[in-house]
Amino acid sequence: MTHEPTAPFRPVITDQAALEEAWRRLMSPLGFGRTSVWLMLVGDDGRPVPQLTEVEGCERPLTPGELDGLADAARLLLDDLAPAGRLALLLSRPGPARPTPADVALARGVLEACRTHGVPTEVVHLATDTDVVPLPYDTLALPAA
């Protein structure tokens, strides 16, 4: 019996539902020991670049300089790997799926820094031990991008 190699996971992300499904698959199985921010670059064809970047050490609030550094790094990655693309962000942490004030503050800070650096973004998602949920712009008290 011959086995074909498994094709890499390359969904087409055309809307928030497709993005949520991609995050569900990429973060499976759920369960996290620390708080992180994950970056996924999505090309202008809607397909993600086949590599995620994890920013660890996000248990405490990030400083304005750290947020600017993260957004600047995202801008450089997009310019290099997906010039006409956009950035999808996911926060992961242990615990239940209900967004906390710390989750909202972190997502808002990252999005505001990305906007300052001209980084187009998707709706931020939160992955916890129990679920993956979107954090819509109105939840974050931000106008839609």
Protein backbone atom coordinates (compact mmCIF):
# COMPACT_ATOMS: atom_id res chain seq x y z
CA MET A 1 0.00 0.00 0.00
CA THR A 2 1.36 3.43 -0.95
CA HIS A 3 0.85 6.49 1.22
CA GLU A 4 0.78 9.91 -0.33
CA PRO A 5 2.41 12.67 1.69
CA THR A 6 -0.02 14.90 3.50
CA ALA A 7 -0.47 18.23 1.78
CA PRO A 8 0.37 21.28 3.87
CA PHE A 9 -2.57 23.08 5.43
CA ARG A 10 -3.17 26.04 3.09
CA PRO A 11 -6.73 27.27 3.53
CA VAL A 12 -8.09 30.25 1.65
CA ILE A 13 -9.08 32.88 4.18
CA THR A 14 -11.83 34.99 2.68
CA ASP A 15 -13.80 35.95 5.79
CA GLN A 16 -13.82 35.79 9.59
CA ALA A 17 -15.43 32.32 9.64
CA ALA A 18 -12.64 30.88 7.47
CA LEU A 19 -10.04 32.56 9.67
CA GLU A 20 -11.64 31.15 12.83
CA GLU A 21 -11.65 27.66 11.31
CA ALA A 22 -7.95 28.02 10.37
CA TRP A 23 -7.06 29.07 13.93
CA ARG A 24 -9.09 26.16 15.36
CA ARG A 25 -7.15 23.71 13.25
CA LEU A 26 -3.76 25.31 13.87
CA MET A 27 -4.23 25.57 17.65
CA SER A 28 -5.58 22.04 18.07
CA PRO A 29 -5.37 20.43 20.54
CA LEU A 30 -6.30 23.30 22.84
CA GLY A 31 -4.48 23.81 26.11
CA PHE A 32 -1.87 26.45 26.86
CA GLY A 33 0.66 26.90 29.65
CA ARG A 34 1.41 30.57 29.01
CA THR A 35 0.08 33.68 27.28
CA SER A 36 1.35 34.30 23.75
CA VAL A 37 0.53 36.33 20.67
CA TRP A 38 0.58 34.39 17.40
CA LEU A 39 1.15 36.03 14.01
CA MET A 40 -0.10 34.53 10.75
CA LEU A 41 0.72 36.30 7.51
CA VAL A 42 -2.04 36.02 4.91
CA GLY A 43 -1.07 36.68 1.30
CA ASP A 44 -3.15 38.70 -1.14
CA ASP A 45 -4.47 35.38 -2.49
CA GLY A 46 -6.00 34.63 0.93
CA ARG A 47 -3.55 31.83 1.67
CA PRO A 48 -1.41 31.96 4.82
CA VAL A 49 2.35 31.88 4.64
CA PRO A 50 3.15 28.34 5.92
CA GLN A 51 4.76 29.44 9.17
CA LEU A 52 3.39 30.95 12.38
CA THR A 53 5.32 33.27 14.66
CA GLU A 54 4.75 32.99 18.41
CA VAL A 55 5.56 35.94 20.67
CA GLU A 56 5.96 34.55 24.18
CA GLY A 57 6.03 36.35 27.50
CA CYS A 58 2.75 38.19 27.19
CA GLU A 59 1.49 37.40 30.70
CA ARG A 60 2.12 40.99 31.73
CA PRO A 61 0.97 44.08 29.82
CA LEU A 62 3.29 44.90 26.93
CA THR A 63 4.96 48.30 27.01
CA PRO A 64 4.35 50.80 24.20
CA GLY A 65 7.89 50.06 22.97
CA GLU A 66 7.23 46.31 22.90
CA LEU A 67 3.95 46.84 21.03
CA ASP A 68 5.71 49.07 18.50
CA GLY A 69 8.47 46.47 18.11
CA LEU A 70 5.92 43.73 17.49
CA ALA A 71 4.07 45.82 14.89
CA ASP A 72 7.33 46.85 13.23
CA ALA A 73 8.43 43.20 13.02
CA ALA A 74 5.04 42.29 11.52
CA ARG A 75 5.44 45.09 8.94
CA LEU A 76 8.90 43.79 7.97
CA LEU A 77 7.63 40.19 7.71
CA LEU A 78 4.72 41.26 5.53
CA ASP A 79 6.98 43.38 3.31
CA ASP A 80 9.33 40.43 2.88
CA LEU A 81 6.94 37.46 2.65
CA ALA A 82 3.48 38.78 1.70
CA PRO A 83 3.80 42.40 0.48
CA ALA A 84 0.14 42.89 -0.40
CA GLY A 85 -1.06 40.70 2.45
CA ARG A 86 -2.45 41.19 5.91
CA LEU A 87 -1.80 40.00 9.44
CA ALA A 88 -3.97 37.61 11.43
CA LEU A 89 -3.42 37.67 15.21
CA LEU A 90 -4.37 35.20 17.89
CA LEU A 91 -3.90 35.46 21.65
CA SER A 92 -3.47 32.16 23.48
CA ARG A 93 -3.60 31.60 27.22
CA PRO A 94 -4.63 29.01 29.79
CA GLY A 95 -8.12 29.18 31.25
CA PRO A 96 -11.71 29.57 30.03
CA ALA A 97 -12.73 31.18 26.74
CA ARG A 98 -14.42 34.24 28.25
CA PRO A 99 -12.26 37.26 27.25
CA THR A 100 -10.68 39.00 30.24
CA PRO A 101 -9.83 42.70 30.56
CA ALA A 102 -6.17 41.71 30.06
CA ASP A 103 -7.08 39.94 26.78
CA VAL A 104 -8.97 43.00 25.55
CA ALA A 105 -6.12 45.35 26.52
CA LEU A 106 -3.50 43.19 24.80
CA ALA A 107 -5.55 42.81 21.61
CA ARG A 108 -6.34 46.54 21.53
CA GLY A 109 -2.68 47.46 22.10
CA VAL A 110 -1.43 45.17 19.33
CA LEU A 111 -4.08 46.38 16.86
CA GLU A 112 -3.42 50.05 17.61
CA ALA A 113 0.33 49.51 17.13
CA CYS A 114 -0.30 47.68 13.86
CA ARG A 115 -2.47 50.54 12.60
CA THR A 116 0.26 53.04 13.52
CA HIS A 117 2.77 50.98 11.47
CA GLY A 118 0.41 50.54 8.51
CA VAL A 119 -0.10 46.81 9.07
CA PRO A 120 -3.49 45.62 7.79
CA THR A 121 -5.07 43.18 10.24
CA GLU A 122 -7.84 40.64 10.50
CA VAL A 123 -10.16 40.22 13.50
CA VAL A 124 -8.12 39.06 16.51
CA HIS A 125 -8.95 35.64 17.96
CA LEU A 126 -8.47 34.21 21.44
CA ALA A 127 -7.53 30.55 21.99
CA THR A 128 -7.83 29.10 25.48
CA ASP A 129 -7.98 25.67 27.07
CA THR A 130 -11.63 25.34 26.01
CA ASP A 131 -12.32 27.23 22.76
CA VAL A 132 -11.24 29.63 20.02
CA VAL A 133 -13.32 32.82 19.87
CA PRO A 134 -13.14 36.06 17.88
CA LEU A 135 -12.57 39.40 19.59
CA PRO A 136 -14.55 41.74 17.28
CA TYR A 137 -13.52 45.38 16.95
CA ASP A 138 -16.56 46.57 18.92
CA THR A 139 -15.50 44.32 21.83
CA LEU A 140 -12.13 46.06 21.76
CA ALA A 141 -13.69 49.56 21.50
CA LEU A 142 -11.96 50.11 18.14
CA PRO A 143 -13.50 51.23 14.87
CA ALA A 144 -13.47 48.55 12.15
CA ALA A 145 -10.31 48.57 10.08
